[in-house]
Amino acid sequence: MWARALAGIGPGFLLSAGLVGLFTWMLPGPWQDTLVPGLIAFFVVWIGVMGASFQFSSGKRAWAWLGGLAAVTLGALWLLQWLQWLG
């Protein structure tokens, strides 16, 4: 149980940041206009990810899935920045 909870806190935090970052990047307008709604959405998404981490059958699976998805989302943000598609 503790491993799943920590997976929701650690990699879940990074996954939530990546998801909200990708979503706010797609919104029209400058990034300053999406800052406050993005911060509010981040906490909602993070709570959802923390709750979903308890649906995994083991802590190892939670860490693997959440860590892998966090790496994918943050990697996508890095790639978009490297391609200079992000401001």
PDB file of N, CA and C in Angstrom:
ATOM      1  N   MET A   1       0.809  -1.191   0.000  1.00  0.00           N
ATOM      2  CA  MET A   1       0.000   0.000   0.000  1.00  0.00           C
ATOM      3  C   MET A   1       0.857   1.262   0.000  1.00  0.00           C
ATOM      4  N   TRP A   2       1.921   1.268   0.801  1.00  0.00           N
ATOM      5  CA  TRP A   2       2.778   2.453   0.861  1.00  0.00           C
ATOM      6  C   TRP A   2       3.504   2.682  -0.455  1.00  0.00           C
ATOM      7  N   ALA A   3       3.892   1.598  -1.132  1.00  0.00           N
ATOM      8  CA  ALA A   3       4.585   1.746  -2.417  1.00  0.00           C
ATOM      9  C   ALA A   3       3.669   2.388  -3.453  1.00  0.00           C
ATOM     10  N   ARG A   4       2.410   2.002  -3.447  1.00  0.00           N
ATOM     11  CA  ARG A   4       1.459   2.603  -4.392  1.00  0.00           C
ATOM     12  C   ARG A   4       1.198   4.062  -4.036  1.00  0.00           C
ATOM     13  N   ALA A   5       1.123   4.367  -2.753  1.00  0.00           N
ATOM     14  CA  ALA A   5       0.913   5.755  -2.337  1.00  0.00           C
ATOM     15  C   ALA A   5       2.099   6.625  -2.743  1.00  0.00           C
ATOM     16  N   LEU A   6       3.300   6.117  -2.526  1.00  0.00           N
ATOM     17  CA  LEU A   6       4.490   6.889  -2.915  1.00  0.00           C
ATOM     18  C   LEU A   6       4.617   7.010  -4.426  1.00  0.00           C
ATOM     19  N   ALA A   7       4.138   6.003  -5.164  1.00  0.00           N
ATOM     20  CA  ALA A   7       4.132   6.103  -6.627  1.00  0.00           C
ATOM     21  C   ALA A   7       3.181   7.206  -7.080  1.00  0.00           C
ATOM     22  N   GLY A   8       2.068   7.353  -6.400  1.00  0.00           N
ATOM     23  CA  GLY A   8       1.147   8.430  -6.730  1.00  0.00           C
ATOM     24  C   GLY A   8       1.705   9.788  -6.392  1.00  0.00           C
ATOM     25  N   ILE A   9       2.539   9.853  -5.364  1.00  0.00           N
ATOM     26  CA  ILE A   9       3.116  11.131  -4.963  1.00  0.00           C
ATOM     27  C   ILE A   9       4.300  11.514  -5.846  1.00  0.00           C
ATOM     28  N   GLY A  10       5.251  10.596  -6.041  1.00  0.00           N
ATOM     29  CA  GLY A  10       6.466  10.913  -6.795  1.00  0.00           C
ATOM     30  C   GLY A  10       6.263  10.985  -8.292  1.00  0.00           C
ATOM     31  N   PRO A  11       6.203   9.829  -8.969  1.00  0.00           N
ATOM     32  CA  PRO A  11       5.988   9.857 -10.411  1.00  0.00           C
ATOM     33  C   PRO A  11       4.619  10.426 -10.785  1.00  0.00           C
ATOM     34  N   GLY A  12       3.650  10.315  -9.881  1.00  0.00           N
ATOM     35  CA  GLY A  12       2.345  10.912 -10.144  1.00  0.00           C
ATOM     36  C   GLY A  12       2.421  12.420 -10.272  1.00  0.00           C
ATOM     37  N   PHE A  13       3.267  13.031  -9.463  1.00  0.00           N
ATOM     38  CA  PHE A  13       3.491  14.470  -9.548  1.00  0.00           C
ATOM     39  C   PHE A  13       4.055  14.841 -10.916  1.00  0.00           C
ATOM     40  N   LEU A  14       5.072  14.090 -11.359  1.00  0.00           N
ATOM     41  CA  LEU A  14       5.698  14.375 -12.650  1.00  0.00           C
ATOM     42  C   LEU A  14       4.737  14.095 -13.806  1.00  0.00           C
ATOM     43  N   LEU A  15       3.959  13.037 -13.695  1.00  0.00           N
ATOM     44  CA  LEU A  15       2.975  12.732 -14.726  1.00  0.00           C
ATOM     45  C   LEU A  15       1.931  13.837 -14.811  1.00  0.00           C
ATOM     46  N   SER A  16       1.461  14.302 -13.687  1.00  0.00           N
ATOM     47  CA  SER A  16       0.470  15.377 -13.673  1.00  0.00           C
ATOM     48  C   SER A  16       1.046  16.652 -14.272  1.00  0.00           C
ATOM     49  N   ALA A  17       2.280  16.959 -13.936  1.00  0.00           N
ATOM     50  CA  ALA A  17       2.923  18.147 -14.494  1.00  0.00           C
ATOM     51  C   ALA A  17       3.051  18.027 -16.008  1.00  0.00           C
ATOM     52  N   GLY A  18       3.433  16.854 -16.479  1.00  0.00           N
ATOM     53  CA  GLY A  18       3.563  16.654 -17.916  1.00  0.00           C
ATOM     54  C   GLY A  18       2.226  16.745 -18.638  1.00  0.00           C
ATOM     55  N   LEU A  19       1.194  16.128 -18.078  1.00  0.00           N
ATOM     56  CA  LEU A  19      -0.129  16.167 -18.703  1.00  0.00           C
ATOM     57  C   LEU A  19      -0.690  17.585 -18.762  1.00  0.00           C
ATOM     58  N   VAL A  20      -0.589  18.288 -17.660  1.00  0.00           N
ATOM     59  CA  VAL A  20      -1.100  19.660 -17.630  1.00  0.00           C
ATOM     60  C   VAL A  20      -0.252  20.557 -18.529  1.00  0.00           C
ATOM     61  N   GLY A  21       1.054  20.314 -18.570  1.00  0.00           N
ATOM     62  CA  GLY A  21       1.913  21.091 -19.456  1.00  0.00           C
ATOM     63  C   GLY A  21       1.561  20.890 -20.919  1.00  0.00           C
ATOM     64  N   LEU A  22       1.323  19.645 -21.314  1.00  0.00           N
ATOM     65  CA  LEU A  22       0.921  19.379 -22.700  1.00  0.00           C
ATOM     66  C   LEU A  22      -0.431  20.000 -23.015  1.00  0.00           C
ATOM     67  N   PHE A  23      -1.363  19.906 -22.074  1.00  0.00           N
ATOM     68  CA  PHE A  23      -2.689  20.471 -22.306  1.00  0.00           C
ATOM     69  C   PHE A  23      -2.642  21.992 -22.407  1.00  0.00           C
ATOM     70  N   THR A  24      -1.929  22.641 -21.498  1.00  0.00           N
ATOM     71  CA  THR A  24      -1.883  24.103 -21.532  1.00  0.00           C
ATOM     72  C   THR A  24      -1.093  24.609 -22.726  1.00  0.00           C
ATOM     73  N   TRP A  25      -0.189  23.807 -23.246  1.00  0.00           N
ATOM     74  CA  TRP A  25       0.541  24.207 -24.446  1.00  0.00           C
ATOM     75  C   TRP A  25      -0.396  24.275 -25.646  1.00  0.00           C
ATOM     76  N   MET A  26      -1.405  23.416 -25.668  1.00  0.00           N
ATOM     77  CA  MET A  26      -2.323  23.381 -26.803  1.00  0.00           C
ATOM     78  C   MET A  26      -3.345  24.515 -26.773  1.00  0.00           C
ATOM     79  N   LEU A  27      -3.517  25.169 -25.657  1.00  0.00           N
ATOM     80  CA  LEU A  27      -4.492  26.248 -25.571  1.00  0.00           C
ATOM     81  C   LEU A  27      -3.994  27.473 -26.320  1.00  0.00           C
ATOM     82  N   PRO A  28      -4.909  28.237 -26.917  1.00  0.00           N
ATOM     83  CA  PRO A  28      -4.488  29.437 -27.645  1.00  0.00           C
ATOM     84  C   PRO A  28      -4.070  30.549 -26.687  1.00  0.00           C
ATOM     85  N   GLY A  29      -3.257  31.437 -27.187  1.00  0.00           N
ATOM     86  CA  GLY A  29      -2.832  32.589 -26.412  1.00  0.00           C
ATOM     87  C   GLY A  29      -1.488  32.376 -25.742  1.00  0.00           C
ATOM     88  N   PRO A  30      -0.976  33.408 -25.104  1.00  0.00           N
ATOM     89  CA  PRO A  30       0.329  33.298 -24.434  1.00  0.00           C
ATOM     90  C   PRO A  30       0.236  32.416 -23.187  1.00  0.00           C
ATOM     91  N   TRP A  31       1.380  31.893 -22.780  1.00  0.00           N
ATOM     92  CA  TRP A  31       1.408  30.971 -21.633  1.00  0.00           C
ATOM     93  C   TRP A  31       0.987  31.652 -20.346  1.00  0.00           C
ATOM     94  N   GLN A  32       1.148  32.963 -20.254  1.00  0.00           N
ATOM     95  CA  GLN A  32       0.774  33.667 -19.037  1.00  0.00           C
ATOM     96  C   GLN A  32      -0.728  33.572 -18.777  1.00  0.00           C
ATOM     97  N   ASP A  33      -1.509  33.445 -19.850  1.00  0.00           N
ATOM     98  CA  ASP A  33      -2.957  33.345 -19.679  1.00  0.00           C
ATOM     99  C   ASP A  33      -3.393  31.979 -19.148  1.00  0.00           C
ATOM    100  N   THR A  34      -2.542  30.978 -19.275  1.00  0.00           N
ATOM    101  CA  THR A  34      -2.901  29.628 -18.827  1.00  0.00           C
ATOM    102  C   THR A  34      -2.246  29.262 -17.497  1.00  0.00           C
ATOM    103  N   LEU A  35      -1.520  30.166 -16.893  1.00  0.00           N
ATOM    104  CA  LEU A  35      -0.776  29.840 -15.682  1.00  0.00           C
ATOM    105  C   LEU A  35      -1.685  29.479 -14.508  1.00  0.00           C
ATOM    106  N   VAL A  36      -2.617  30.339 -14.166  1.00  0.00           N
ATOM    107  CA  VAL A  36      -3.476  30.076 -13.008  1.00  0.00           C
ATOM    108  C   VAL A  36      -4.420  28.896 -13.263  1.00  0.00           C
ATOM    109  N   PRO A  37      -5.105  28.837 -14.428  1.00  0.00           N
ATOM    110  CA  PRO A  37      -5.934  27.644 -14.660  1.00  0.00           C
ATOM    111  C   PRO A  37      -5.106  26.359 -14.703  1.00  0.00           C
ATOM    112  N   GLY A  38      -3.883  26.442 -15.205  1.00  0.00           N
ATOM    113  CA  GLY A  38      -3.022  25.263 -15.236  1.00  0.00           C
ATOM    114  C   GLY A  38      -2.635  24.802 -13.845  1.00  0.00           C
ATOM    115  N   LEU A  39      -2.355  25.735 -12.949  1.00  0.00           N
ATOM    116  CA  LEU A  39      -2.013  25.369 -11.573  1.00  0.00           C
ATOM    117  C   LEU A  39      -3.198  24.740 -10.854  1.00  0.00           C
ATOM    118  N   ILE A  40      -4.380  25.274 -11.093  1.00  0.00           N
ATOM    119  CA  ILE A  40      -5.566  24.688 -10.472  1.00  0.00           C
ATOM    120  C   ILE A  40      -5.817  23.292 -11.036  1.00  0.00           C
ATOM    121  N   ALA A  41      -5.713  23.160 -12.354  1.00  0.00           N
ATOM    122  CA  ALA A  41      -5.923  21.852 -12.992  1.00  0.00           C
ATOM    123  C   ALA A  41      -4.863  20.850 -12.552  1.00  0.00           C
ATOM    124  N   PHE A  42      -3.645  21.322 -12.305  1.00  0.00           N
ATOM    125  CA  PHE A  42      -2.573  20.417 -11.895  1.00  0.00           C
ATOM    126  C   PHE A  42      -2.938  19.671 -10.610  1.00  0.00           C
ATOM    127  N   PHE A  43      -3.445  20.390  -9.619  1.00  0.00           N
ATOM    128  CA  PHE A  43      -3.775  19.745  -8.350  1.00  0.00           C
ATOM    129  C   PHE A  43      -4.933  18.758  -8.510  1.00  0.00           C
ATOM    130  N   VAL A  44      -5.889  19.099  -9.358  1.00  0.00           N
ATOM    131  CA  VAL A  44      -7.010  18.183  -9.602  1.00  0.00           C
ATOM    132  C   VAL A  44      -6.504  16.916 -10.278  1.00  0.00           C
ATOM    133  N   VAL A  45      -5.658  17.065 -11.290  1.00  0.00           N
ATOM    134  CA  VAL A  45      -5.098  15.904 -12.004  1.00  0.00           C
ATOM    135  C   VAL A  45      -4.230  15.084 -11.063  1.00  0.00           C
ATOM    136  N   TRP A  46      -3.420  15.745 -10.248  1.00  0.00           N
ATOM    137  CA  TRP A  46      -2.530  15.028  -9.327  1.00  0.00           C
ATOM    138  C   TRP A  46      -3.321  14.193  -8.316  1.00  0.00           C
ATOM    139  N   ILE A  47      -4.394  14.757  -7.785  1.00  0.00           N
ATOM    140  CA  ILE A  47      -5.243  14.009  -6.856  1.00  0.00           C
ATOM    141  C   ILE A  47      -5.843  12.798  -7.570  1.00  0.00           C
ATOM    142  N   GLY A  48      -6.258  12.978  -8.821  1.00  0.00           N
ATOM    143  CA  GLY A  48      -6.796  11.862  -9.591  1.00  0.00           C
ATOM    144  C   GLY A  48      -5.757  10.778  -9.837  1.00  0.00           C
ATOM    145  N   VAL A  49      -4.531  11.174 -10.140  1.00  0.00           N
ATOM    146  CA  VAL A  49      -3.458  10.205 -10.368  1.00  0.00           C
ATOM    147  C   VAL A  49      -3.117   9.488  -9.066  1.00  0.00           C
ATOM    148  N   MET A  50      -3.097  10.219  -7.955  1.00  0.00           N
ATOM    149  CA  MET A  50      -2.823   9.570  -6.676  1.00  0.00           C
ATOM    150  C   MET A  50      -3.904   8.551  -6.340  1.00  0.00           C
ATOM    151  N   GLY A  51      -5.140   8.883  -6.617  1.00  0.00           N
ATOM    152  CA  GLY A  51      -6.218   7.929  -6.372  1.00  0.00           C
ATOM    153  C   GLY A  51      -6.133   6.732  -7.307  1.00  0.00           C
ATOM    154  N   ALA A  52      -5.763   6.972  -8.559  1.00  0.00           N
ATOM    155  CA  ALA A  52      -5.659   5.886  -9.532  1.00  0.00           C
ATOM    156  C   ALA A  52      -4.480   4.969  -9.228  1.00  0.00           C
ATOM    157  N   SER A  53      -3.490   5.458  -8.513  1.00  0.00           N
ATOM    158  CA  SER A  53      -2.332   4.610  -8.214  1.00  0.00           C
ATOM    159  C   SER A  53      -2.709   3.423  -7.331  1.00  0.00           C
ATOM    160  N   PHE A  54      -3.805   3.521  -6.607  1.00  0.00           N
ATOM    161  CA  PHE A  54      -4.250   2.415  -5.764  1.00  0.00           C
ATOM    162  C   PHE A  54      -4.990   1.340  -6.559  1.00  0.00           C
ATOM    163  N   GLN A  55      -5.244   1.586  -7.834  1.00  0.00           N
ATOM    164  CA  GLN A  55      -5.900   0.594  -8.669  1.00  0.00           C
ATOM    165  C   GLN A  55      -4.925  -0.457  -9.193  1.00  0.00           C
ATOM    166  N   PHE A  56      -3.624  -0.189  -9.075  1.00  0.00           N
ATOM    167  CA  PHE A  56      -2.622  -1.153  -9.520  1.00  0.00           C
ATOM    168  C   PHE A  56      -2.546  -2.311  -8.533  1.00  0.00           C
ATOM    169  N   SER A  57      -2.180  -3.481  -9.047  1.00  0.00           N
ATOM    170  CA  SER A  57      -2.152  -4.665  -8.189  1.00  0.00           C
ATOM    171  C   SER A  57      -0.954  -4.678  -7.246  1.00  0.00           C
ATOM    172  N   SER A  58       0.105  -3.957  -7.594  1.00  0.00           N
ATOM    173  CA  SER A  58       1.282  -3.917  -6.725  1.00  0.00           C
ATOM    174  C   SER A  58       1.963  -2.563  -6.850  1.00  0.00           C
ATOM    175  N   GLY A  59       2.845  -2.305  -5.899  1.00  0.00           N
ATOM    176  CA  GLY A  59       3.600  -1.061  -5.929  1.00  0.00           C
ATOM    177  C   GLY A  59       4.564  -1.001  -7.092  1.00  0.00           C
ATOM    178  N   LYS A  60       5.136  -2.152  -7.454  1.00  0.00           N
ATOM    179  CA  LYS A  60       6.065  -2.171  -8.595  1.00  0.00           C
ATOM    180  C   LYS A  60       5.368  -1.788  -9.892  1.00  0.00           C
ATOM    181  N   ARG A  61       4.150  -2.306 -10.076  1.00  0.00           N
ATOM    182  CA  ARG A  61       3.396  -1.949 -11.278  1.00  0.00           C
ATOM    183  C   ARG A  61       3.041  -0.456 -11.280  1.00  0.00           C
ATOM    184  N   ALA A  62       2.666   0.066 -10.141  1.00  0.00           N
ATOM    185  CA  ALA A  62       2.330   1.488 -10.058  1.00  0.00           C
ATOM    186  C   ALA A  62       3.539   2.346 -10.386  1.00  0.00           C
ATOM    187  N   TRP A  63       4.689   2.007  -9.816  1.00  0.00           N
ATOM    188  CA  TRP A  63       5.902   2.761 -10.093  1.00  0.00           C
ATOM    189  C   TRP A  63       6.294   2.657 -11.563  1.00  0.00           C
ATOM    190  N   ALA A  64       6.177   1.458 -12.128  1.00  0.00           N
ATOM    191  CA  ALA A  64       6.563   1.259 -13.528  1.00  0.00           C
ATOM    192  C   ALA A  64       5.648   2.044 -14.469  1.00  0.00           C
ATOM    193  N   TRP A  65       4.345   1.904 -14.280  1.00  0.00           N
ATOM    194  CA  TRP A  65       3.412   2.590 -15.168  1.00  0.00           C
ATOM    195  C   TRP A  65       3.454   4.107 -15.003  1.00  0.00           C
ATOM    196  N   LEU A  66       3.378   4.573 -13.772  1.00  0.00           N
ATOM    197  CA  LEU A  66       3.380   6.023 -13.557  1.00  0.00           C
ATOM    198  C   LEU A  66       4.718   6.640 -13.928  1.00  0.00           C
ATOM    199  N   GLY A  67       5.811   5.945 -13.616  1.00  0.00           N
ATOM    200  CA  GLY A  67       7.125   6.452 -14.005  1.00  0.00           C
ATOM    201  C   GLY A  67       7.307   6.463 -15.509  1.00  0.00           C
ATOM    202  N   GLY A  68       6.838   5.414 -16.172  1.00  0.00           N
ATOM    203  CA  GLY A  68       6.939   5.366 -17.630  1.00  0.00           C
ATOM    204  C   GLY A  68       6.102   6.432 -18.309  1.00  0.00           C
ATOM    205  N   LEU A  69       4.872   6.598 -17.837  1.00  0.00           N
ATOM    206  CA  LEU A  69       4.017   7.633 -18.410  1.00  0.00           C
ATOM    207  C   LEU A  69       4.552   9.034 -18.125  1.00  0.00           C
ATOM    208  N   ALA A  70       5.134   9.225 -16.955  1.00  0.00           N
ATOM    209  CA  ALA A  70       5.734  10.524 -16.640  1.00  0.00           C
ATOM    210  C   ALA A  70       6.912  10.797 -17.577  1.00  0.00           C
ATOM    211  N   ALA A  71       7.729   9.774 -17.834  1.00  0.00           N
ATOM    212  CA  ALA A  71       8.864   9.948 -18.751  1.00  0.00           C
ATOM    213  C   ALA A  71       8.378  10.274 -20.157  1.00  0.00           C
ATOM    214  N   VAL A  72       7.293   9.651 -20.585  1.00  0.00           N
ATOM    215  CA  VAL A  72       6.758   9.920 -21.923  1.00  0.00           C
ATOM    216  C   VAL A  72       6.238  11.347 -22.025  1.00  0.00           C
ATOM    217  N   THR A  73       5.457  11.792 -21.039  1.00  0.00           N
ATOM    218  CA  THR A  73       4.889  13.139 -21.115  1.00  0.00           C
ATOM    219  C   THR A  73       5.966  14.217 -20.998  1.00  0.00           C
ATOM    220  N   LEU A  74       6.903  14.016 -20.083  1.00  0.00           N
ATOM    221  CA  LEU A  74       7.966  15.009 -19.959  1.00  0.00           C
ATOM    222  C   LEU A  74       8.909  14.955 -21.155  1.00  0.00           C
ATOM    223  N   GLY A  75       9.104  13.763 -21.713  1.00  0.00           N
ATOM    224  CA  GLY A  75       9.893  13.644 -22.933  1.00  0.00           C
ATOM    225  C   GLY A  75       9.224  14.337 -24.104  1.00  0.00           C
ATOM    226  N   ALA A  76       7.897  14.240 -24.179  1.00  0.00           N
ATOM    227  CA  ALA A  76       7.164  14.943 -25.237  1.00  0.00           C
ATOM    228  C   ALA A  76       7.307  16.448 -25.084  1.00  0.00           C
ATOM    229  N   LEU A  77       7.227  16.942 -23.856  1.00  0.00           N
ATOM    230  CA  LEU A  77       7.433  18.379 -23.640  1.00  0.00           C
ATOM    231  C   LEU A  77       8.843  18.797 -24.016  1.00  0.00           C
ATOM    232  N   TRP A  78       9.822  17.977 -23.644  1.00  0.00           N
ATOM    233  CA  TRP A  78      11.207  18.289 -24.000  1.00  0.00           C
ATOM    234  C   TRP A  78      11.383  18.298 -25.516  1.00  0.00           C
ATOM    235  N   LEU A  79      10.800  17.323 -26.210  1.00  0.00           N
ATOM    236  CA  LEU A  79      10.911  17.242 -27.668  1.00  0.00           C
ATOM    237  C   LEU A  79      10.260  18.451 -28.330  1.00  0.00           C
ATOM    238  N   LEU A  80       9.088  18.852 -27.849  1.00  0.00           N
ATOM    239  CA  LEU A  80       8.428  20.026 -28.405  1.00  0.00           C
ATOM    240  C   LEU A  80       9.265  21.283 -28.198  1.00  0.00           C
ATOM    241  N   GLN A  81       9.926  21.380 -27.058  1.00  0.00           N
ATOM    242  CA  GLN A  81      10.787  22.528 -26.810  1.00  0.00           C
ATOM    243  C   GLN A  81      12.034  22.460 -27.689  1.00  0.00           C
ATOM    244  N   TRP A  82      12.593  21.287 -27.864  1.00  0.00           N
ATOM    245  CA  TRP A  82      13.788  21.120 -28.689  1.00  0.00           C
ATOM    246  C   TRP A  82      13.485  21.446 -30.158  1.00  0.00           C
ATOM    247  N   LEU A  83      12.268  21.077 -30.611  1.00  0.00           N
ATOM    248  CA  LEU A  83      11.855  21.400 -31.969  1.00  0.00           C
ATOM    249  C   LEU A  83      11.440  22.867 -32.103  1.00  0.00           C
ATOM    250  N   GLN A  84      11.472  23.587 -31.008  1.00  0.00           N
ATOM    251  CA  GLN A  84      11.103  25.002 -30.918  1.00  0.00           C
ATOM    252  C   GLN A  84       9.643  25.227 -31.278  1.00  0.00           C
ATOM    253  N   TRP A  85       8.795  24.271 -30.898  1.00  0.00           N
ATOM    254  CA  TRP A  85       7.362  24.438 -31.070  1.00  0.00           C
ATOM    255  C   TRP A  85       6.745  25.046 -29.821  1.00  0.00           C
ATOM    256  N   LEU A  86       7.511  25.080 -28.732  1.00  0.00           N
ATOM    257  CA  LEU A  86       7.056  25.726 -27.508  1.00  0.00           C
ATOM    258  C   LEU A  86       7.723  27.086 -27.392  1.00  0.00           C
ATOM    259  N   GLY A  87       7.011  28.024 -26.796  1.00  0.00           N
ATOM    260  CA  GLY A  87       7.565  29.362 -26.640  1.00  0.00           C
ATOM    261  C   GLY A  87       8.509  29.497 -25.506  1.00  0.00           C
TER     262      GLY A  87
END
